[in-house]
Amino acid sequence: MTVAGRRRRVVALAVVLLVGCAAYDGSGLTPGKSTAADVESLMGQADEKQAAAGGSSVWFYTRPSGGNTYAVRLGPDGIVRGVDDRLTEEYIATLEAGVSRREDVRALLGPPYFVSHFERQQREVWEYKRFEIGERKVLLVQFSDDGLVREIVNAVDYDYVPASASDAKD
């Protein structure tokens, strides 16, 4: 392949990646107008679809590395009602230890990034990776065997190493 051919291929790949990122947050959807078919066309297959009250549904879209979880709310008619980023301080603040339940967390935040089981403690921990301006954070939600939230930890993700920092180590 020629140098010009490789450049064209790299530019095409970059365009595809940028378009994919732009569509990931649902910014091309119009509440009250866009349909479920528009959502799938723009954002792809949902990571999880949940039934909601009155025949409505919520479709969750997550990135493989975490960071954001977008919830597309659809009415019973299949029309988009709204798109929200659920891994924000506002949504997290609605969770309460000793009150919220496993199904409440799943309905609010969508599927976790990672699940850990601690048999001796009879605990399950759901991990959500998230981005805030300038730093990577991790949300840990701990459940007892009865499905009740026991602890919520929202902290800086010290395991996260930005690509530029890992390049500097090599």
N, C-alpha and C. Protein backbone atom coordinates (compact mmCIF):
# COMPACT_ATOMS: atom_id res chain seq x y z
N MET A 1 0.86 -1.18 0.00
CA MET A 1 0.00 0.00 0.00
C MET A 1 0.89 1.23 0.00
N THR A 2 0.49 2.24 -0.73
CA THR A 2 1.27 3.47 -0.82
C THR A 2 1.08 4.30 0.43
N VAL A 3 1.97 5.28 0.59
CA VAL A 3 1.88 6.19 1.74
C VAL A 3 0.56 6.97 1.69
N ALA A 4 0.19 7.42 0.50
CA ALA A 4 -1.08 8.16 0.35
C ALA A 4 -2.27 7.26 0.71
N GLY A 5 -2.22 6.00 0.33
CA GLY A 5 -3.29 5.06 0.65
C GLY A 5 -3.40 4.83 2.15
N ARG A 6 -2.26 4.73 2.83
CA ARG A 6 -2.26 4.56 4.28
C ARG A 6 -2.83 5.79 4.97
N ARG A 7 -2.46 6.97 4.47
CA ARG A 7 -2.97 8.21 5.06
C ARG A 7 -4.49 8.28 4.92
N ARG A 8 -5.00 7.94 3.72
CA ARG A 8 -6.45 7.96 3.52
C ARG A 8 -7.14 7.00 4.48
N ARG A 9 -6.54 5.83 4.67
CA ARG A 9 -7.12 4.84 5.58
C ARG A 9 -7.13 5.35 7.03
N VAL A 10 -6.04 6.00 7.45
CA VAL A 10 -5.96 6.55 8.80
C VAL A 10 -6.98 7.67 8.99
N VAL A 11 -7.11 8.55 7.99
CA VAL A 11 -8.08 9.64 8.07
C VAL A 11 -9.50 9.07 8.14
N ALA A 12 -9.80 8.07 7.34
CA ALA A 12 -11.13 7.45 7.35
C ALA A 12 -11.42 6.84 8.71
N LEU A 13 -10.45 6.16 9.29
CA LEU A 13 -10.62 5.56 10.61
C LEU A 13 -10.86 6.64 11.66
N ALA A 14 -10.11 7.74 11.59
CA ALA A 14 -10.28 8.83 12.54
C ALA A 14 -11.69 9.43 12.44
N VAL A 15 -12.19 9.59 11.24
CA VAL A 15 -13.53 10.14 11.04
C VAL A 15 -14.57 9.20 11.65
N VAL A 16 -14.43 7.90 11.41
CA VAL A 16 -15.37 6.92 11.96
C VAL A 16 -15.35 6.98 13.48
N LEU A 17 -14.17 7.06 14.07
CA LEU A 17 -14.06 7.12 15.53
C LEU A 17 -14.69 8.39 16.09
N LEU A 18 -14.45 9.53 15.44
CA LEU A 18 -15.02 10.78 15.91
C LEU A 18 -16.54 10.78 15.79
N VAL A 19 -17.05 10.26 14.71
CA VAL A 19 -18.51 10.18 14.54
C VAL A 19 -19.10 9.27 15.61
N GLY A 20 -18.43 8.14 15.89
CA GLY A 20 -18.90 7.21 16.91
C GLY A 20 -18.94 7.86 18.28
N CYS A 21 -17.91 8.67 18.60
CA CYS A 21 -17.88 9.35 19.90
C CYS A 21 -18.99 10.38 19.99
N ALA A 22 -19.23 11.11 18.91
CA ALA A 22 -20.25 12.15 18.93
C ALA A 22 -21.62 11.54 19.13
N ALA A 23 -21.86 10.37 18.56
CA ALA A 23 -23.18 9.73 18.66
C ALA A 23 -23.37 9.02 19.98
N TYR A 24 -22.30 8.70 20.65
CA TYR A 24 -22.38 7.89 21.86
C TYR A 24 -23.25 8.54 22.94
N ASP A 25 -23.22 9.86 23.02
CA ASP A 25 -23.97 10.54 24.08
C ASP A 25 -25.42 10.85 23.70
N GLY A 26 -25.82 10.45 22.51
CA GLY A 26 -27.20 10.67 22.09
C GLY A 26 -27.49 12.09 21.68
N SER A 27 -26.45 12.89 21.43
CA SER A 27 -26.66 14.30 21.12
C SER A 27 -27.42 14.52 19.82
N GLY A 28 -27.48 13.53 18.95
CA GLY A 28 -28.23 13.67 17.71
C GLY A 28 -29.70 13.31 17.84
N LEU A 29 -30.13 12.94 19.03
CA LEU A 29 -31.53 12.56 19.25
C LEU A 29 -32.36 13.76 19.68
N THR A 30 -33.62 13.79 19.27
CA THR A 30 -34.53 14.87 19.62
C THR A 30 -35.69 14.32 20.46
N PRO A 31 -35.72 14.67 21.76
CA PRO A 31 -36.85 14.20 22.59
C PRO A 31 -38.19 14.63 21.98
N GLY A 32 -39.14 13.70 21.99
CA GLY A 32 -40.46 13.98 21.44
C GLY A 32 -40.56 13.70 19.95
N LYS A 33 -39.43 13.45 19.31
CA LYS A 33 -39.43 13.22 17.87
C LYS A 33 -38.68 11.94 17.48
N SER A 34 -37.47 11.74 18.02
CA SER A 34 -36.67 10.57 17.65
C SER A 34 -37.33 9.28 18.12
N THR A 35 -37.13 8.22 17.36
CA THR A 35 -37.73 6.92 17.65
C THR A 35 -36.68 5.94 18.17
N ALA A 36 -37.16 4.79 18.63
CA ALA A 36 -36.25 3.72 19.07
C ALA A 36 -35.33 3.32 17.94
N ALA A 37 -35.83 3.29 16.72
CA ALA A 37 -35.00 2.95 15.56
C ALA A 37 -33.90 4.00 15.37
N ASP A 38 -34.22 5.27 15.60
CA ASP A 38 -33.22 6.33 15.50
C ASP A 38 -32.13 6.14 16.56
N VAL A 39 -32.54 5.74 17.76
CA VAL A 39 -31.58 5.51 18.85
C VAL A 39 -30.59 4.42 18.43
N GLU A 40 -31.10 3.28 17.96
CA GLU A 40 -30.22 2.18 17.57
C GLU A 40 -29.36 2.55 16.37
N SER A 41 -29.90 3.32 15.46
CA SER A 41 -29.13 3.75 14.30
C SER A 41 -27.97 4.65 14.71
N LEU A 42 -28.21 5.54 15.67
CA LEU A 42 -27.21 6.49 16.10
C LEU A 42 -26.24 5.92 17.13
N MET A 43 -26.78 5.20 18.12
CA MET A 43 -25.98 4.77 19.27
C MET A 43 -25.63 3.29 19.26
N GLY A 44 -26.27 2.52 18.38
CA GLY A 44 -26.01 1.09 18.33
C GLY A 44 -26.90 0.31 19.29
N GLN A 45 -26.53 -0.92 19.51
CA GLN A 45 -27.28 -1.81 20.40
C GLN A 45 -27.06 -1.40 21.85
N ALA A 46 -28.11 -1.29 22.62
CA ALA A 46 -28.00 -0.92 24.04
C ALA A 46 -27.30 -2.02 24.83
N ASP A 47 -26.55 -1.61 25.85
CA ASP A 47 -25.91 -2.59 26.74
C ASP A 47 -26.94 -3.27 27.63
N GLU A 48 -28.01 -2.53 27.92
CA GLU A 48 -29.08 -3.10 28.74
C GLU A 48 -30.36 -2.31 28.46
N LYS A 49 -31.48 -3.04 28.39
CA LYS A 49 -32.78 -2.42 28.22
C LYS A 49 -33.63 -2.81 29.42
N GLN A 50 -34.22 -1.81 30.08
CA GLN A 50 -35.05 -2.06 31.26
C GLN A 50 -36.47 -1.56 31.01
N ALA A 51 -37.41 -2.37 31.43
CA ALA A 51 -38.81 -1.94 31.38
C ALA A 51 -39.04 -0.93 32.49
N ALA A 52 -39.85 0.07 32.22
CA ALA A 52 -40.18 1.09 33.21
C ALA A 52 -41.71 1.17 33.34
N ALA A 53 -42.16 2.02 34.24
CA ALA A 53 -43.59 2.15 34.51
C ALA A 53 -44.38 2.57 33.27
N GLY A 54 -45.59 2.05 33.16
CA GLY A 54 -46.51 2.47 32.10
C GLY A 54 -46.11 2.05 30.70
N GLY A 55 -45.29 1.01 30.58
CA GLY A 55 -44.89 0.56 29.25
C GLY A 55 -43.69 1.29 28.68
N SER A 56 -43.14 2.23 29.42
CA SER A 56 -41.93 2.94 28.99
C SER A 56 -40.73 2.03 29.17
N SER A 57 -39.59 2.46 28.67
CA SER A 57 -38.36 1.69 28.87
C SER A 57 -37.17 2.65 28.95
N VAL A 58 -36.07 2.13 29.49
CA VAL A 58 -34.82 2.88 29.58
C VAL A 58 -33.75 2.00 28.97
N TRP A 59 -33.02 2.55 28.01
CA TRP A 59 -31.92 1.85 27.37
C TRP A 59 -30.63 2.46 27.86
N PHE A 60 -29.72 1.60 28.35
CA PHE A 60 -28.44 2.07 28.88
C PHE A 60 -27.32 1.80 27.89
N TYR A 61 -26.47 2.83 27.74
CA TYR A 61 -25.29 2.75 26.88
C TYR A 61 -24.07 3.09 27.71
N THR A 62 -23.13 2.15 27.77
CA THR A 62 -21.90 2.36 28.54
C THR A 62 -20.70 2.21 27.60
N ARG A 63 -19.61 2.80 28.00
CA ARG A 63 -18.35 2.61 27.26
C ARG A 63 -17.63 1.43 27.89
N PRO A 64 -16.86 0.69 27.09
CA PRO A 64 -16.15 -0.46 27.65
C PRO A 64 -15.22 -0.09 28.80
N SER A 65 -14.65 1.11 28.76
CA SER A 65 -13.74 1.52 29.83
C SER A 65 -14.45 2.30 30.93
N GLY A 66 -15.76 2.38 30.85
CA GLY A 66 -16.51 3.15 31.84
C GLY A 66 -16.45 4.63 31.52
N GLY A 67 -16.75 5.45 32.46
CA GLY A 67 -16.67 6.89 32.28
C GLY A 67 -18.02 7.56 32.20
N ASN A 68 -18.91 7.02 31.42
CA ASN A 68 -20.26 7.57 31.28
C ASN A 68 -21.23 6.42 31.09
N THR A 69 -22.42 6.60 31.57
CA THR A 69 -23.53 5.70 31.26
C THR A 69 -24.69 6.58 30.84
N TYR A 70 -25.06 6.48 29.58
CA TYR A 70 -26.17 7.27 29.07
C TYR A 70 -27.45 6.44 29.11
N ALA A 71 -28.50 7.04 29.60
CA ALA A 71 -29.81 6.40 29.68
C ALA A 71 -30.73 7.11 28.70
N VAL A 72 -31.26 6.35 27.76
CA VAL A 72 -32.23 6.88 26.82
C VAL A 72 -33.60 6.44 27.31
N ARG A 73 -34.45 7.42 27.65
CA ARG A 73 -35.79 7.11 28.13
C ARG A 73 -36.76 7.14 26.96
N LEU A 74 -37.46 6.01 26.78
CA LEU A 74 -38.42 5.87 25.68
C LEU A 74 -39.82 5.70 26.23
N GLY A 75 -40.78 6.37 25.61
CA GLY A 75 -42.17 6.22 26.00
C GLY A 75 -42.73 4.92 25.47
N PRO A 76 -43.94 4.55 25.88
CA PRO A 76 -44.54 3.31 25.41
C PRO A 76 -44.76 3.31 23.89
N ASP A 77 -44.77 4.50 23.30
CA ASP A 77 -44.92 4.61 21.85
C ASP A 77 -43.59 4.50 21.10
N GLY A 78 -42.47 4.29 21.84
CA GLY A 78 -41.16 4.16 21.22
C GLY A 78 -40.51 5.48 20.86
N ILE A 79 -41.06 6.58 21.37
CA ILE A 79 -40.50 7.91 21.11
C ILE A 79 -39.59 8.31 22.28
N VAL A 80 -38.45 8.90 21.94
CA VAL A 80 -37.48 9.32 22.96
C VAL A 80 -38.07 10.43 23.82
N ARG A 81 -37.99 10.25 25.14
CA ARG A 81 -38.44 11.26 26.09
C ARG A 81 -37.26 12.08 26.61
N GLY A 82 -36.06 11.48 26.62
CA GLY A 82 -34.88 12.19 27.09
C GLY A 82 -33.66 11.30 27.11
N VAL A 83 -32.49 11.94 27.21
CA VAL A 83 -31.21 11.23 27.30
C VAL A 83 -30.44 11.87 28.45
N ASP A 84 -29.97 11.04 29.38
CA ASP A 84 -29.26 11.54 30.55
C ASP A 84 -27.96 10.78 30.75
N ASP A 85 -26.93 11.49 31.22
CA ASP A 85 -25.72 10.83 31.71
C ASP A 85 -26.00 10.50 33.16
N ARG A 86 -26.02 9.23 33.51
CA ARG A 86 -26.44 8.82 34.86
C ARG A 86 -25.31 8.79 35.89
N LEU A 87 -24.05 8.80 35.45
CA LEU A 87 -22.96 8.74 36.41
C LEU A 87 -22.51 10.14 36.81
N THR A 88 -23.46 10.91 37.32
CA THR A 88 -23.17 12.27 37.77
C THR A 88 -23.44 12.37 39.27
N GLU A 89 -22.89 13.41 39.88
CA GLU A 89 -23.09 13.63 41.32
C GLU A 89 -24.58 13.73 41.67
N GLU A 90 -25.37 14.33 40.78
CA GLU A 90 -26.81 14.50 41.05
C GLU A 90 -27.50 13.15 41.23
N TYR A 91 -27.25 12.23 40.31
CA TYR A 91 -27.89 10.92 40.40
C TYR A 91 -27.33 10.11 41.56
N ILE A 92 -26.02 10.14 41.73
CA ILE A 92 -25.38 9.37 42.80
C ILE A 92 -25.90 9.83 44.17
N ALA A 93 -26.14 11.13 44.32
CA ALA A 93 -26.61 11.68 45.60
C ALA A 93 -27.99 11.15 45.98
N THR A 94 -28.74 10.61 45.04
CA THR A 94 -30.08 10.09 45.38
C THR A 94 -30.01 8.70 46.01
N LEU A 95 -28.85 8.06 45.94
CA LEU A 95 -28.69 6.74 46.58
C LEU A 95 -28.47 6.92 48.08
N GLU A 96 -29.07 6.03 48.86
CA GLU A 96 -28.92 6.10 50.31
C GLU A 96 -28.58 4.74 50.89
N ALA A 97 -27.50 4.69 51.67
CA ALA A 97 -27.16 3.45 52.37
C ALA A 97 -28.27 3.14 53.37
N GLY A 98 -28.65 1.87 53.43
CA GLY A 98 -29.70 1.44 54.34
C GLY A 98 -31.10 1.65 53.81
N VAL A 99 -31.23 2.31 52.66
CA VAL A 99 -32.55 2.59 52.08
C VAL A 99 -32.64 2.05 50.65
N SER A 100 -31.68 2.44 49.81
CA SER A 100 -31.70 2.01 48.40
C SER A 100 -31.46 0.51 48.29
N ARG A 101 -32.02 -0.07 47.25
CA ARG A 101 -31.90 -1.51 47.02
C ARG A 101 -31.18 -1.76 45.70
N ARG A 102 -30.74 -2.98 45.51
CA ARG A 102 -30.01 -3.38 44.31
C ARG A 102 -30.77 -2.96 43.04
N GLU A 103 -32.08 -3.23 43.01
CA GLU A 103 -32.87 -2.90 41.82
C GLU A 103 -32.99 -1.39 41.60
N ASP A 104 -32.95 -0.60 42.70
CA ASP A 104 -32.97 0.86 42.58
C ASP A 104 -31.70 1.37 41.91
N VAL A 105 -30.57 0.81 42.32
CA VAL A 105 -29.28 1.21 41.77
C VAL A 105 -29.21 0.85 40.29
N ARG A 106 -29.65 -0.36 39.96
CA ARG A 106 -29.62 -0.81 38.56
C ARG A 106 -30.52 0.06 37.69
N ALA A 107 -31.70 0.42 38.19
CA ALA A 107 -32.62 1.26 37.42
C ALA A 107 -32.09 2.68 37.27
N LEU A 108 -31.34 3.14 38.24
CA LEU A 108 -30.83 4.51 38.20
C LEU A 108 -29.53 4.63 37.40
N LEU A 109 -28.55 3.74 37.69
CA LEU A 109 -27.22 3.86 37.10
C LEU A 109 -26.94 2.90 35.95
N GLY A 110 -27.79 1.91 35.79
CA GLY A 110 -27.57 0.94 34.73
C GLY A 110 -26.58 -0.15 35.16
N PRO A 111 -26.09 -0.91 34.19
CA PRO A 111 -25.21 -2.03 34.52
C PRO A 111 -23.86 -1.55 35.06
N PRO A 112 -23.34 -2.22 36.08
CA PRO A 112 -22.03 -1.83 36.62
C PRO A 112 -20.90 -2.21 35.69
N TYR A 113 -19.78 -1.53 35.85
CA TYR A 113 -18.56 -1.81 35.10
C TYR A 113 -17.98 -3.17 35.53
N PHE A 114 -18.02 -3.43 36.84
CA PHE A 114 -17.44 -4.65 37.38
C PHE A 114 -18.19 -5.02 38.67
N VAL A 115 -18.33 -6.31 38.92
CA VAL A 115 -18.99 -6.79 40.13
C VAL A 115 -18.02 -7.71 40.89
N SER A 116 -17.87 -7.45 42.20
CA SER A 116 -17.03 -8.28 43.07
C SER A 116 -17.91 -8.93 44.13
N HIS A 117 -17.57 -10.16 44.49
CA HIS A 117 -18.30 -10.89 45.53
C HIS A 117 -17.34 -11.17 46.69
N PHE A 118 -17.77 -10.86 47.90
CA PHE A 118 -17.00 -11.10 49.10
C PHE A 118 -17.81 -12.04 49.98
N GLU A 119 -17.61 -13.33 49.80
CA GLU A 119 -18.42 -14.36 50.46
C GLU A 119 -18.35 -14.27 51.98
N ARG A 120 -17.16 -14.11 52.54
CA ARG A 120 -17.04 -14.06 54.00
C ARG A 120 -17.80 -12.89 54.61
N GLN A 121 -17.80 -11.78 53.92
CA GLN A 121 -18.51 -10.60 54.43
C GLN A 121 -19.97 -10.59 54.00
N GLN A 122 -20.33 -11.53 53.15
CA GLN A 122 -21.69 -11.58 52.59
C GLN A 122 -22.04 -10.26 51.93
N ARG A 123 -21.11 -9.82 51.07
CA ARG A 123 -21.28 -8.55 50.37
C ARG A 123 -21.00 -8.72 48.88
N GLU A 124 -21.67 -7.87 48.12
CA GLU A 124 -21.42 -7.75 46.68
C GLU A 124 -21.14 -6.28 46.42
N VAL A 125 -20.14 -5.98 45.60
CA VAL A 125 -19.77 -4.60 45.32
C VAL A 125 -19.86 -4.36 43.82
N TRP A 126 -20.61 -3.33 43.45
CA TRP A 126 -20.70 -2.90 42.06
C TRP A 126 -19.79 -1.71 41.87
N GLU A 127 -18.99 -1.76 40.81
CA GLU A 127 -18.04 -0.70 40.52
C GLU A 127 -18.46 0.02 39.24
N TYR A 128 -18.48 1.34 39.32
CA TYR A 128 -18.77 2.19 38.17
C TYR A 128 -17.59 3.14 37.98
N LYS A 129 -16.94 3.09 36.82
CA LYS A 129 -15.87 4.04 36.49
C LYS A 129 -16.55 5.29 35.93
N ARG A 130 -16.05 6.46 36.29
CA ARG A 130 -16.66 7.67 35.78
C ARG A 130 -15.63 8.78 35.64
N PHE A 131 -15.94 9.73 34.78
CA PHE A 131 -15.08 10.88 34.56
C PHE A 131 -15.72 12.12 35.13
N GLU A 132 -14.92 12.91 35.80
CA GLU A 132 -15.31 14.25 36.20
C GLU A 132 -14.27 15.16 35.61
N ILE A 133 -14.56 16.42 35.55
CA ILE A 133 -13.63 17.34 34.92
C ILE A 133 -12.24 17.17 35.53
N GLY A 134 -11.30 16.76 34.67
CA GLY A 134 -9.91 16.66 35.09
C GLY A 134 -9.50 15.41 35.85
N GLU A 135 -10.43 14.54 36.22
CA GLU A 135 -9.99 13.33 36.91
C GLU A 135 -10.95 12.16 36.70
N ARG A 136 -10.39 10.99 36.88
CA ARG A 136 -11.14 9.75 36.75
C ARG A 136 -11.56 9.34 38.16
N LYS A 137 -12.82 8.95 38.31
CA LYS A 137 -13.33 8.55 39.62
C LYS A 137 -13.90 7.14 39.55
N VAL A 138 -14.10 6.55 40.71
CA VAL A 138 -14.72 5.25 40.81
C VAL A 138 -15.81 5.32 41.87
N LEU A 139 -16.96 4.76 41.54
CA LEU A 139 -18.07 4.67 42.47
C LEU A 139 -18.22 3.21 42.85
N LEU A 140 -18.18 2.93 44.14
CA LEU A 140 -18.36 1.57 44.65
C LEU A 140 -19.65 1.54 45.47
N VAL A 141 -20.55 0.64 45.10
CA VAL A 141 -21.81 0.49 45.82
C VAL A 141 -21.82 -0.93 46.38
N GLN A 142 -21.85 -1.01 47.72
CA GLN A 142 -21.78 -2.31 48.41
C GLN A 142 -23.18 -2.72 48.88
N PHE A 143 -23.53 -3.99 48.59
CA PHE A 143 -24.83 -4.54 48.96
C PHE A 143 -24.65 -5.70 49.93
N SER A 144 -25.59 -5.83 50.87
CA SER A 144 -25.64 -7.02 51.71
C SER A 144 -26.43 -8.08 50.96
N ASP A 145 -26.45 -9.30 51.48
CA ASP A 145 -27.14 -10.41 50.81
C ASP A 145 -28.62 -10.16 50.57
N ASP A 146 -29.23 -9.31 51.40
CA ASP A 146 -30.66 -9.02 51.22
C ASP A 146 -30.92 -7.97 50.14
N GLY A 147 -29.86 -7.50 49.45
CA GLY A 147 -30.02 -6.55 48.35
C GLY A 147 -30.05 -5.09 48.77
N LEU A 148 -29.80 -4.82 50.04
CA LEU A 148 -29.82 -3.46 50.55
C LEU A 148 -28.44 -2.81 50.38
N VAL A 149 -28.41 -1.54 49.97
CA VAL A 149 -27.15 -0.81 49.86
C VAL A 149 -26.62 -0.59 51.27
N ARG A 150 -25.37 -0.98 51.50
CA ARG A 150 -24.76 -0.83 52.82
C ARG A 150 -23.74 0.30 52.86
N GLU A 151 -23.08 0.54 51.72
CA GLU A 151 -22.06 1.59 51.69
C GLU A 151 -21.92 2.11 50.27
N ILE A 152 -21.68 3.41 50.17
CA ILE A 152 -21.46 4.07 48.87
C ILE A 152 -20.15 4.83 48.99
N VAL A 153 -19.19 4.48 48.14
CA VAL A 153 -17.89 5.15 48.14
C VAL A 153 -17.68 5.78 46.78
N ASN A 154 -17.47 7.07 46.77
CA ASN A 154 -17.25 7.83 45.55
C ASN A 154 -15.87 8.46 45.68
N ALA A 155 -14.88 7.92 44.97
CA ALA A 155 -13.50 8.34 45.19
C ALA A 155 -12.73 8.52 43.90
N VAL A 156 -11.55 9.11 44.02
CA VAL A 156 -10.64 9.22 42.88
C VAL A 156 -10.16 7.82 42.54
N ASP A 157 -10.08 7.52 41.25
CA ASP A 157 -9.60 6.21 40.78
C ASP A 157 -8.09 6.28 40.61
N TYR A 158 -7.36 5.88 41.64
CA TYR A 158 -5.90 5.95 41.60
C TYR A 158 -5.29 4.87 40.72
N ASP A 159 -6.08 3.89 40.30
CA ASP A 159 -5.58 2.86 39.38
C ASP A 159 -5.53 3.36 37.95
N TYR A 160 -6.22 4.45 37.67
CA TYR A 160 -6.29 4.98 36.32
C TYR A 160 -4.99 5.70 35.98
N VAL A 161 -4.41 5.31 34.85
CA VAL A 161 -3.19 5.96 34.37
C VAL A 161 -3.49 6.48 32.97
N PRO A 162 -3.50 7.81 32.78
CA PRO A 162 -3.76 8.35 31.44
C PRO A 162 -2.73 7.84 30.45
N ALA A 163 -3.12 7.73 29.21
CA ALA A 163 -2.23 7.20 28.15
C ALA A 163 -0.93 7.98 28.09
N SER A 164 -0.95 9.30 28.22
CA SER A 164 0.26 10.09 28.13
C SER A 164 1.20 9.78 29.29
N ALA A 165 0.66 9.47 30.47
CA ALA A 165 1.51 9.13 31.62
C ALA A 165 2.13 7.76 31.45
N SER A 166 1.39 6.81 30.89
CA SER A 166 1.95 5.47 30.69
C SER A 166 3.00 5.50 29.61
N ASP A 167 2.85 6.37 28.62
CA ASP A 167 3.88 6.50 27.57
C ASP A 167 5.17 7.02 28.15
N ALA A 168 5.08 7.92 29.12
CA ALA A 168 6.26 8.51 29.72
C ALA A 168 7.05 7.49 30.54
N LYS A 169 6.36 6.47 31.07
CA LYS A 169 7.03 5.45 31.87
C LYS A 169 7.85 4.49 31.03
N ASP A 170 7.46 4.29 29.77
CA ASP A 170 8.14 3.32 28.91
C ASP A 170 9.50 3.76 28.47
